[in-house]
Amino acid sequence: MNRGDVYQEIKSFLVVQMDVPEADVSEGSHLVDDLEIDSLSVLELTVFTEENYDVSIEEAFKESLSPENSTEPTVGWLTDLILTMTPRAAV
């Protein structure tokens, strides 16, 4: 699995399952500010990543939103996070 595949799967999930307009989804789209991902949507994203990649993003997502963290939770950030956490990324 490569980065492009993961990005496309995330984008498809956001568009189909979360009704985000496709034109709004890019690598740099901020999940909270641009795509208006709320706490329920984070839960849905967490379930999606657990089912599809066998990884949990919940803690990393919470940390990215903490005031002392400078990480911007973007679609690209999520893509990279999944790739660093999943053993399937090396296949």
PDB file of N, CA and C in Angstrom:
ATOM      1  N   MET A   1       0.856  -1.178   0.000  1.00  0.00           N
ATOM      2  CA  MET A   1       0.000   0.000   0.000  1.00  0.00           C
ATOM      3  C   MET A   1       0.896   1.232   0.000  1.00  0.00           C
ATOM      4  N   ASN A   2       0.607   2.138  -0.897  1.00  0.00           N
ATOM      5  CA  ASN A   2       1.419   3.343  -0.955  1.00  0.00           C
ATOM      6  C   ASN A   2       0.627   4.565  -0.493  1.00  0.00           C
ATOM      7  N   ARG A   3       1.322   5.669  -0.406  1.00  0.00           N
ATOM      8  CA  ARG A   3       0.717   6.893   0.123  1.00  0.00           C
ATOM      9  C   ARG A   3      -0.474   7.349  -0.717  1.00  0.00           C
ATOM     10  N   GLY A   4      -0.345   7.248  -2.013  1.00  0.00           N
ATOM     11  CA  GLY A   4      -1.437   7.654  -2.899  1.00  0.00           C
ATOM     12  C   GLY A   4      -2.693   6.843  -2.682  1.00  0.00           C
ATOM     13  N   ASP A   5      -2.518   5.534  -2.462  1.00  0.00           N
ATOM     14  CA  ASP A   5      -3.678   4.665  -2.196  1.00  0.00           C
ATOM     15  C   ASP A   5      -4.373   5.064  -0.906  1.00  0.00           C
ATOM     16  N   VAL A   6      -3.580   5.278   0.140  1.00  0.00           N
ATOM     17  CA  VAL A   6      -4.147   5.651   1.441  1.00  0.00           C
ATOM     18  C   VAL A   6      -4.874   6.988   1.327  1.00  0.00           C
ATOM     19  N   TYR A   7      -4.242   7.969   0.686  1.00  0.00           N
ATOM     20  CA  TYR A   7      -4.867   9.286   0.505  1.00  0.00           C
ATOM     21  C   TYR A   7      -6.205   9.151  -0.224  1.00  0.00           C
ATOM     22  N   GLN A   8      -6.236   8.376  -1.310  1.00  0.00           N
ATOM     23  CA  GLN A   8      -7.475   8.227  -2.075  1.00  0.00           C
ATOM     24  C   GLN A   8      -8.568   7.547  -1.258  1.00  0.00           C
ATOM     25  N   GLU A   9      -8.188   6.569  -0.436  1.00  0.00           N
ATOM     26  CA  GLU A   9      -9.177   5.896   0.409  1.00  0.00           C
ATOM     27  C   GLU A   9      -9.741   6.838   1.469  1.00  0.00           C
ATOM     28  N   ILE A  10      -8.878   7.661   2.051  1.00  0.00           N
ATOM     29  CA  ILE A  10      -9.346   8.651   3.029  1.00  0.00           C
ATOM     30  C   ILE A  10     -10.259   9.663   2.348  1.00  0.00           C
ATOM     31  N   LYS A  11      -9.833  10.157   1.202  1.00  0.00           N
ATOM     32  CA  LYS A  11     -10.631  11.135   0.467  1.00  0.00           C
ATOM     33  C   LYS A  11     -12.005  10.556   0.123  1.00  0.00           C
ATOM     34  N   SER A  12     -12.017   9.326  -0.377  1.00  0.00           N
ATOM     35  CA  SER A  12     -13.281   8.676  -0.720  1.00  0.00           C
ATOM     36  C   SER A  12     -14.178   8.535   0.508  1.00  0.00           C
ATOM     37  N   PHE A  13     -13.600   8.148   1.640  1.00  0.00           N
ATOM     38  CA  PHE A  13     -14.371   8.026   2.874  1.00  0.00           C
ATOM     39  C   PHE A  13     -14.978   9.374   3.274  1.00  0.00           C
ATOM     40  N   LEU A  14     -14.179  10.417   3.225  1.00  0.00           N
ATOM     41  CA  LEU A  14     -14.670  11.745   3.600  1.00  0.00           C
ATOM     42  C   LEU A  14     -15.803  12.203   2.688  1.00  0.00           C
ATOM     43  N   VAL A  15     -15.672  11.925   1.399  1.00  0.00           N
ATOM     44  CA  VAL A  15     -16.683  12.358   0.428  1.00  0.00           C
ATOM     45  C   VAL A  15     -17.946  11.512   0.538  1.00  0.00           C
ATOM     46  N   VAL A  16     -17.798  10.209   0.548  1.00  0.00           N
ATOM     47  CA  VAL A  16     -18.954   9.309   0.515  1.00  0.00           C
ATOM     48  C   VAL A  16     -19.629   9.184   1.872  1.00  0.00           C
ATOM     49  N   GLN A  17     -18.854   8.929   2.909  1.00  0.00           N
ATOM     50  CA  GLN A  17     -19.428   8.651   4.220  1.00  0.00           C
ATOM     51  C   GLN A  17     -19.740   9.905   5.033  1.00  0.00           C
ATOM     52  N   MET A  18     -18.987  10.981   4.801  1.00  0.00           N
ATOM     53  CA  MET A  18     -19.161  12.173   5.626  1.00  0.00           C
ATOM     54  C   MET A  18     -19.725  13.353   4.848  1.00  0.00           C
ATOM     55  N   ASP A  19     -20.079  13.117   3.595  1.00  0.00           N
ATOM     56  CA  ASP A  19     -20.707  14.148   2.760  1.00  0.00           C
ATOM     57  C   ASP A  19     -19.876  15.419   2.620  1.00  0.00           C
ATOM     58  N   VAL A  20     -18.556  15.274   2.610  1.00  0.00           N
ATOM     59  CA  VAL A  20     -17.681  16.417   2.373  1.00  0.00           C
ATOM     60  C   VAL A  20     -17.577  16.592   0.859  1.00  0.00           C
ATOM     61  N   PRO A  21     -17.784  17.811   0.345  1.00  0.00           N
ATOM     62  CA  PRO A  21     -17.641  18.012  -1.099  1.00  0.00           C
ATOM     63  C   PRO A  21     -16.228  17.640  -1.569  1.00  0.00           C
ATOM     64  N   GLU A  22     -16.157  16.875  -2.637  1.00  0.00           N
ATOM     65  CA  GLU A  22     -14.867  16.390  -3.133  1.00  0.00           C
ATOM     66  C   GLU A  22     -13.896  17.533  -3.407  1.00  0.00           C
ATOM     67  N   ALA A  23     -14.403  18.632  -3.903  1.00  0.00           N
ATOM     68  CA  ALA A  23     -13.546  19.777  -4.209  1.00  0.00           C
ATOM     69  C   ALA A  23     -12.891  20.369  -2.965  1.00  0.00           C
ATOM     70  N   ASP A  24     -13.451  20.105  -1.794  1.00  0.00           N
ATOM     71  CA  ASP A  24     -12.908  20.633  -0.542  1.00  0.00           C
ATOM     72  C   ASP A  24     -11.784  19.784   0.034  1.00  0.00           C
ATOM     73  N   VAL A  25     -11.632  18.562  -0.475  1.00  0.00           N
ATOM     74  CA  VAL A  25     -10.656  17.629   0.097  1.00  0.00           C
ATOM     75  C   VAL A  25      -9.348  17.688  -0.685  1.00  0.00           C
ATOM     76  N   SER A  26      -8.286  18.066   0.026  1.00  0.00           N
ATOM     77  CA  SER A  26      -6.939  18.063  -0.540  1.00  0.00           C
ATOM     78  C   SER A  26      -5.977  17.657   0.567  1.00  0.00           C
ATOM     79  N   GLU A  27      -4.726  17.458   0.208  1.00  0.00           N
ATOM     80  CA  GLU A  27      -3.703  17.093   1.201  1.00  0.00           C
ATOM     81  C   GLU A  27      -3.660  18.105   2.346  1.00  0.00           C
ATOM     82  N   GLY A  28      -3.826  19.371   2.017  1.00  0.00           N
ATOM     83  CA  GLY A  28      -3.710  20.424   3.012  1.00  0.00           C
ATOM     84  C   GLY A  28      -4.997  20.805   3.714  1.00  0.00           C
ATOM     85  N   SER A  29      -6.090  20.132   3.391  1.00  0.00           N
ATOM     86  CA  SER A  29      -7.369  20.450   4.036  1.00  0.00           C
ATOM     87  C   SER A  29      -7.294  20.119   5.522  1.00  0.00           C
ATOM     88  N   HIS A  30      -7.555  21.122   6.342  1.00  0.00           N
ATOM     89  CA  HIS A  30      -7.567  20.941   7.800  1.00  0.00           C
ATOM     90  C   HIS A  30      -8.853  20.208   8.149  1.00  0.00           C
ATOM     91  N   LEU A  31      -8.712  19.079   8.846  1.00  0.00           N
ATOM     92  CA  LEU A  31      -9.875  18.242   9.133  1.00  0.00           C
ATOM     93  C   LEU A  31     -10.947  18.963   9.936  1.00  0.00           C
ATOM     94  N   VAL A  32     -10.547  19.791  10.881  1.00  0.00           N
ATOM     95  CA  VAL A  32     -11.520  20.469  11.736  1.00  0.00           C
ATOM     96  C   VAL A  32     -11.958  21.792  11.118  1.00  0.00           C
ATOM     97  N   ASP A  33     -11.003  22.627  10.773  1.00  0.00           N
ATOM     98  CA  ASP A  33     -11.335  23.973  10.300  1.00  0.00           C
ATOM     99  C   ASP A  33     -11.933  23.996   8.892  1.00  0.00           C
ATOM    100  N   ASP A  34     -11.362  23.227   7.976  1.00  0.00           N
ATOM    101  CA  ASP A  34     -11.825  23.258   6.587  1.00  0.00           C
ATOM    102  C   ASP A  34     -12.959  22.279   6.305  1.00  0.00           C
ATOM    103  N   LEU A  35     -12.842  21.070   6.862  1.00  0.00           N
ATOM    104  CA  LEU A  35     -13.818  20.022   6.552  1.00  0.00           C
ATOM    105  C   LEU A  35     -14.865  19.844   7.642  1.00  0.00           C
ATOM    106  N   GLU A  36     -14.731  20.615   8.719  1.00  0.00           N
ATOM    107  CA  GLU A  36     -15.701  20.637   9.809  1.00  0.00           C
ATOM    108  C   GLU A  36     -15.936  19.257  10.433  1.00  0.00           C
ATOM    109  N   ILE A  37     -14.840  18.534  10.641  1.00  0.00           N
ATOM    110  CA  ILE A  37     -14.910  17.238  11.297  1.00  0.00           C
ATOM    111  C   ILE A  37     -15.165  17.472  12.787  1.00  0.00           C
ATOM    112  N   ASP A  38     -16.256  16.905  13.296  1.00  0.00           N
ATOM    113  CA  ASP A  38     -16.591  17.058  14.709  1.00  0.00           C
ATOM    114  C   ASP A  38     -16.228  15.776  15.463  1.00  0.00           C
ATOM    115  N   SER A  39     -16.567  15.720  16.733  1.00  0.00           N
ATOM    116  CA  SER A  39     -16.174  14.571  17.555  1.00  0.00           C
ATOM    117  C   SER A  39     -16.804  13.267  17.053  1.00  0.00           C
ATOM    118  N   LEU A  40     -18.019  13.311  16.573  1.00  0.00           N
ATOM    119  CA  LEU A  40     -18.646  12.107  16.025  1.00  0.00           C
ATOM    120  C   LEU A  40     -17.914  11.662  14.761  1.00  0.00           C
ATOM    121  N   SER A  41     -17.521  12.611  13.951  1.00  0.00           N
ATOM    122  CA  SER A  41     -16.775  12.296  12.729  1.00  0.00           C
ATOM    123  C   SER A  41     -15.401  11.723  13.039  1.00  0.00           C
ATOM    124  N   VAL A  42     -14.773  12.203  14.115  1.00  0.00           N
ATOM    125  CA  VAL A  42     -13.486  11.629  14.539  1.00  0.00           C
ATOM    126  C   VAL A  42     -13.680  10.167  14.911  1.00  0.00           C
ATOM    127  N   LEU A  43     -14.768   9.878  15.590  1.00  0.00           N
ATOM    128  CA  LEU A  43     -15.074   8.493  15.939  1.00  0.00           C
ATOM    129  C   LEU A  43     -15.243   7.652  14.671  1.00  0.00           C
ATOM    130  N   GLU A  44     -15.956   8.176  13.693  1.00  0.00           N
ATOM    131  CA  GLU A  44     -16.146   7.464  12.432  1.00  0.00           C
ATOM    132  C   GLU A  44     -14.810   7.250  11.714  1.00  0.00           C
ATOM    133  N   LEU A  45     -13.953   8.264  11.715  1.00  0.00           N
ATOM    134  CA  LEU A  45     -12.619   8.129  11.112  1.00  0.00           C
ATOM    135  C   LEU A  45     -11.792   7.090  11.850  1.00  0.00           C
ATOM    136  N   THR A  46     -11.913   7.068  13.168  1.00  0.00           N
ATOM    137  CA  THR A  46     -11.187   6.090  13.972  1.00  0.00           C
ATOM    138  C   THR A  46     -11.623   4.672  13.621  1.00  0.00           C
ATOM    139  N   VAL A  47     -12.916   4.452  13.523  1.00  0.00           N
ATOM    140  CA  VAL A  47     -13.435   3.135  13.155  1.00  0.00           C
ATOM    141  C   VAL A  47     -12.957   2.766  11.749  1.00  0.00           C
ATOM    142  N   PHE A  48     -13.013   3.718  10.823  1.00  0.00           N
ATOM    143  CA  PHE A  48     -12.543   3.480   9.454  1.00  0.00           C
ATOM    144  C   PHE A  48     -11.081   3.045   9.436  1.00  0.00           C
ATOM    145  N   THR A  49     -10.231   3.736  10.179  1.00  0.00           N
ATOM    146  CA  THR A  49      -8.807   3.384  10.169  1.00  0.00           C
ATOM    147  C   THR A  49      -8.564   2.043  10.861  1.00  0.00           C
ATOM    148  N   GLU A  50      -9.327   1.764  11.906  1.00  0.00           N
ATOM    149  CA  GLU A  50      -9.175   0.473  12.585  1.00  0.00           C
ATOM    150  C   GLU A  50      -9.593  -0.684  11.680  1.00  0.00           C
ATOM    151  N   GLU A  51     -10.702  -0.506  10.971  1.00  0.00           N
ATOM    152  CA  GLU A  51     -11.203  -1.565  10.101  1.00  0.00           C
ATOM    153  C   GLU A  51     -10.352  -1.755   8.853  1.00  0.00           C
ATOM    154  N   ASN A  52      -9.844  -0.665   8.296  1.00  0.00           N
ATOM    155  CA  ASN A  52      -9.122  -0.744   7.029  1.00  0.00           C
ATOM    156  C   ASN A  52      -7.611  -0.886   7.159  1.00  0.00           C
ATOM    157  N   TYR A  53      -7.046  -0.383   8.247  1.00  0.00           N
ATOM    158  CA  TYR A  53      -5.581  -0.386   8.387  1.00  0.00           C
ATOM    159  C   TYR A  53      -5.101  -1.020   9.683  1.00  0.00           C
ATOM    160  N   ASP A  54      -6.030  -1.425  10.532  1.00  0.00           N
ATOM    161  CA  ASP A  54      -5.692  -2.038  11.817  1.00  0.00           C
ATOM    162  C   ASP A  54      -4.857  -1.102  12.703  1.00  0.00           C
ATOM    163  N   VAL A  55      -5.181   0.186  12.667  1.00  0.00           N
ATOM    164  CA  VAL A  55      -4.530   1.172  13.529  1.00  0.00           C
ATOM    165  C   VAL A  55      -5.587   2.081  14.146  1.00  0.00           C
ATOM    166  N   SER A  56      -5.270   2.621  15.318  1.00  0.00           N
ATOM    167  CA  SER A  56      -6.161   3.576  15.976  1.00  0.00           C
ATOM    168  C   SER A  56      -5.521   4.956  15.955  1.00  0.00           C
ATOM    169  N   ILE A  57      -6.259   5.916  15.423  1.00  0.00           N
ATOM    170  CA  ILE A  57      -5.748   7.282  15.322  1.00  0.00           C
ATOM    171  C   ILE A  57      -6.273   8.177  16.433  1.00  0.00           C
ATOM    172  N   GLU A  58      -7.121   7.632  17.291  1.00  0.00           N
ATOM    173  CA  GLU A  58      -7.825   8.451  18.280  1.00  0.00           C
ATOM    174  C   GLU A  58      -6.886   9.281  19.155  1.00  0.00           C
ATOM    175  N   GLU A  59      -5.882   8.659  19.752  1.00  0.00           N
ATOM    176  CA  GLU A  59      -4.967   9.391  20.641  1.00  0.00           C
ATOM    177  C   GLU A  59      -4.159  10.436  19.881  1.00  0.00           C
ATOM    178  N   ALA A  60      -3.660  10.063  18.714  1.00  0.00           N
ATOM    179  CA  ALA A  60      -2.871  11.011  17.914  1.00  0.00           C
ATOM    180  C   ALA A  60      -3.729  12.199  17.496  1.00  0.00           C
ATOM    181  N   PHE A  61      -4.990  11.952  17.171  1.00  0.00           N
ATOM    182  CA  PHE A  61      -5.878  13.039  16.778  1.00  0.00           C
ATOM    183  C   PHE A  61      -6.141  13.966  17.961  1.00  0.00           C
ATOM    184  N   LYS A  62      -6.389  13.377  19.128  1.00  0.00           N
ATOM    185  CA  LYS A  62      -6.603  14.202  20.332  1.00  0.00           C
ATOM    186  C   LYS A  62      -5.379  15.058  20.621  1.00  0.00           C
ATOM    187  N   GLU A  63      -4.201  14.443  20.531  1.00  0.00           N
ATOM    188  CA  GLU A  63      -2.960  15.181  20.783  1.00  0.00           C
ATOM    189  C   GLU A  63      -2.773  16.315  19.784  1.00  0.00           C
ATOM    190  N   SER A  64      -3.143  16.089  18.535  1.00  0.00           N
ATOM    191  CA  SER A  64      -2.963  17.121  17.509  1.00  0.00           C
ATOM    192  C   SER A  64      -3.843  18.342  17.780  1.00  0.00           C
ATOM    193  N   LEU A  65      -4.926  18.146  18.516  1.00  0.00           N
ATOM    194  CA  LEU A  65      -5.847  19.249  18.808  1.00  0.00           C
ATOM    195  C   LEU A  65      -5.544  19.958  20.124  1.00  0.00           C
ATOM    196  N   SER A  66      -4.594  19.439  20.892  1.00  0.00           N
ATOM    197  CA  SER A  66      -4.282  20.067  22.173  1.00  0.00           C
ATOM    198  C   SER A  66      -3.567  21.393  21.949  1.00  0.00           C
ATOM    199  N   PRO A  67      -3.802  22.372  22.824  1.00  0.00           N
ATOM    200  CA  PRO A  67      -3.229  23.710  22.642  1.00  0.00           C
ATOM    201  C   PRO A  67      -1.702  23.732  22.615  1.00  0.00           C
ATOM    202  N   GLU A  68      -1.061  22.807  23.314  1.00  0.00           N
ATOM    203  CA  GLU A  68       0.398  22.821  23.354  1.00  0.00           C
ATOM    204  C   GLU A  68       1.027  22.109  22.155  1.00  0.00           C
ATOM    205  N   ASN A  69       0.234  21.563  21.263  1.00  0.00           N
ATOM    206  CA  ASN A  69       0.739  20.876  20.084  1.00  0.00           C
ATOM    207  C   ASN A  69       0.585  21.765  18.861  1.00  0.00           C
ATOM    208  N   SER A  70       1.584  21.811  18.026  1.00  0.00           N
ATOM    209  CA  SER A  70       1.527  22.657  16.837  1.00  0.00           C
ATOM    210  C   SER A  70       1.158  21.872  15.579  1.00  0.00           C
ATOM    211  N   THR A  71       0.808  20.608  15.734  1.00  0.00           N
ATOM    212  CA  THR A  71       0.431  19.782  14.588  1.00  0.00           C
ATOM    213  C   THR A  71      -0.909  20.227  14.035  1.00  0.00           C
ATOM    214  N   GLU A  72      -0.970  20.343  12.719  1.00  0.00           N
ATOM    215  CA  GLU A  72      -2.220  20.664  12.044  1.00  0.00           C
ATOM    216  C   GLU A  72      -2.815  19.361  11.530  1.00  0.00           C
ATOM    217  N   PRO A  73      -3.954  18.909  12.053  1.00  0.00           N
ATOM    218  CA  PRO A  73      -4.528  17.657  11.557  1.00  0.00           C
ATOM    219  C   PRO A  73      -5.172  17.852  10.180  1.00  0.00           C
ATOM    220  N   THR A  74      -4.380  17.622   9.153  1.00  0.00           N
ATOM    221  CA  THR A  74      -4.846  17.757   7.775  1.00  0.00           C
ATOM    222  C   THR A  74      -5.049  16.368   7.175  1.00  0.00           C
ATOM    223  N   VAL A  75      -5.596  16.334   5.990  1.00  0.00           N
ATOM    224  CA  VAL A  75      -5.771  15.059   5.297  1.00  0.00           C
ATOM    225  C   VAL A  75      -4.397  14.432   5.031  1.00  0.00           C
ATOM    226  N   GLY A  76      -3.423  15.234   4.650  1.00  0.00           N
ATOM    227  CA  GLY A  76      -2.071  14.733   4.440  1.00  0.00           C
ATOM    228  C   GLY A  76      -1.453  14.193   5.722  1.00  0.00           C
ATOM    229  N   TRP A  77      -1.674  14.891   6.839  1.00  0.00           N
ATOM    230  CA  TRP A  77      -1.187  14.428   8.151  1.00  0.00           C
ATOM    231  C   TRP A  77      -1.798  13.070   8.481  1.00  0.00           C
ATOM    232  N   LEU A  78      -3.102  12.919   8.250  1.00  0.00           N
ATOM    233  CA  LEU A  78      -3.775  11.660   8.533  1.00  0.00           C
ATOM    234  C   LEU A  78      -3.224  10.544   7.662  1.00  0.00           C
ATOM    235  N   THR A  79      -2.986  10.839   6.396  1.00  0.00           N
ATOM    236  CA  THR A  79      -2.398   9.866   5.477  1.00  0.00           C
ATOM    237  C   THR A  79      -1.049   9.386   5.995  1.00  0.00           C
ATOM    238  N   ASP A  80      -0.188  10.337   6.366  1.00  0.00           N
ATOM    239  CA  ASP A  80       1.143   9.991   6.872  1.00  0.00           C
ATOM    240  C   ASP A  80       1.060   9.231   8.194  1.00  0.00           C
ATOM    241  N   LEU A  81       0.132   9.622   9.053  1.00  0.00           N
ATOM    242  CA  LEU A  81      -0.041   8.948  10.336  1.00  0.00           C
ATOM    243  C   LEU A  81      -0.400   7.479  10.121  1.00  0.00           C
ATOM    244  N   ILE A  82      -1.322   7.230   9.235  1.00  0.00           N
ATOM    245  CA  ILE A  82      -1.722   5.852   8.950  1.00  0.00           C
ATOM    246  C   ILE A  82      -0.543   5.054   8.405  1.00  0.00           C
ATOM    247  N   LEU A  83       0.212   5.656   7.500  1.00  0.00           N
ATOM    248  CA  LEU A  83       1.353   4.945   6.921  1.00  0.00           C
ATOM    249  C   LEU A  83       2.428   4.635   7.960  1.00  0.00           C
ATOM    250  N   THR A  84       2.631   5.517   8.915  1.00  0.00           N
ATOM    251  CA  THR A  84       3.640   5.250   9.927  1.00  0.00           C
ATOM    252  C   THR A  84       3.175   4.232  10.970  1.00  0.00           C
ATOM    253  N   MET A  85       1.878   4.087  11.120  1.00  0.00           N
ATOM    254  CA  MET A  85       1.334   3.195  12.144  1.00  0.00           C
ATOM    255  C   MET A  85       0.988   1.801  11.637  1.00  0.00           C
ATOM    256  N   THR A  86       0.783   1.642  10.350  1.00  0.00           N
ATOM    257  CA  THR A  86       0.294   0.373   9.852  1.00  0.00           C
ATOM    258  C   THR A  86       1.419  -0.539   9.360  1.00  0.00           C
ATOM    259  N   PRO A  87       1.338  -1.787   9.750  1.00  0.00           N
ATOM    260  CA  PRO A  87       2.336  -2.728   9.246  1.00  0.00           C
ATOM    261  C   PRO A  87       2.141  -3.039   7.759  1.00  0.00           C
ATOM    262  N   ARG A  88       0.934  -2.809   7.247  1.00  0.00           N
ATOM    263  CA  ARG A  88       0.648  -3.076   5.825  1.00  0.00           C
ATOM    264  C   ARG A  88       1.331  -2.079   4.918  1.00  0.00           C
ATOM    265  N   ALA A  89       1.769  -0.941   5.443  1.00  0.00           N
ATOM    266  CA  ALA A  89       2.397   0.083   4.608  1.00  0.00           C
ATOM    267  C   ALA A  89       3.687  -0.427   3.989  1.00  0.00           C
ATOM    268  N   ALA A  90       4.350  -1.359   4.635  1.00  0.00           N
ATOM    269  CA  ALA A  90       5.619  -1.868   4.130  1.00  0.00           C
ATOM    270  C   ALA A  90       5.414  -2.895   3.020  1.00  0.00           C
ATOM    271  N   VAL A  91       4.201  -3.379   2.861  1.00  0.00           N
ATOM    272  CA  VAL A  91       3.922  -4.431   1.858  1.00  0.00           C
ATOM    273  C   VAL A  91       3.848  -3.838   0.482  1.00  0.00           C
TER     274      VAL A  91
END
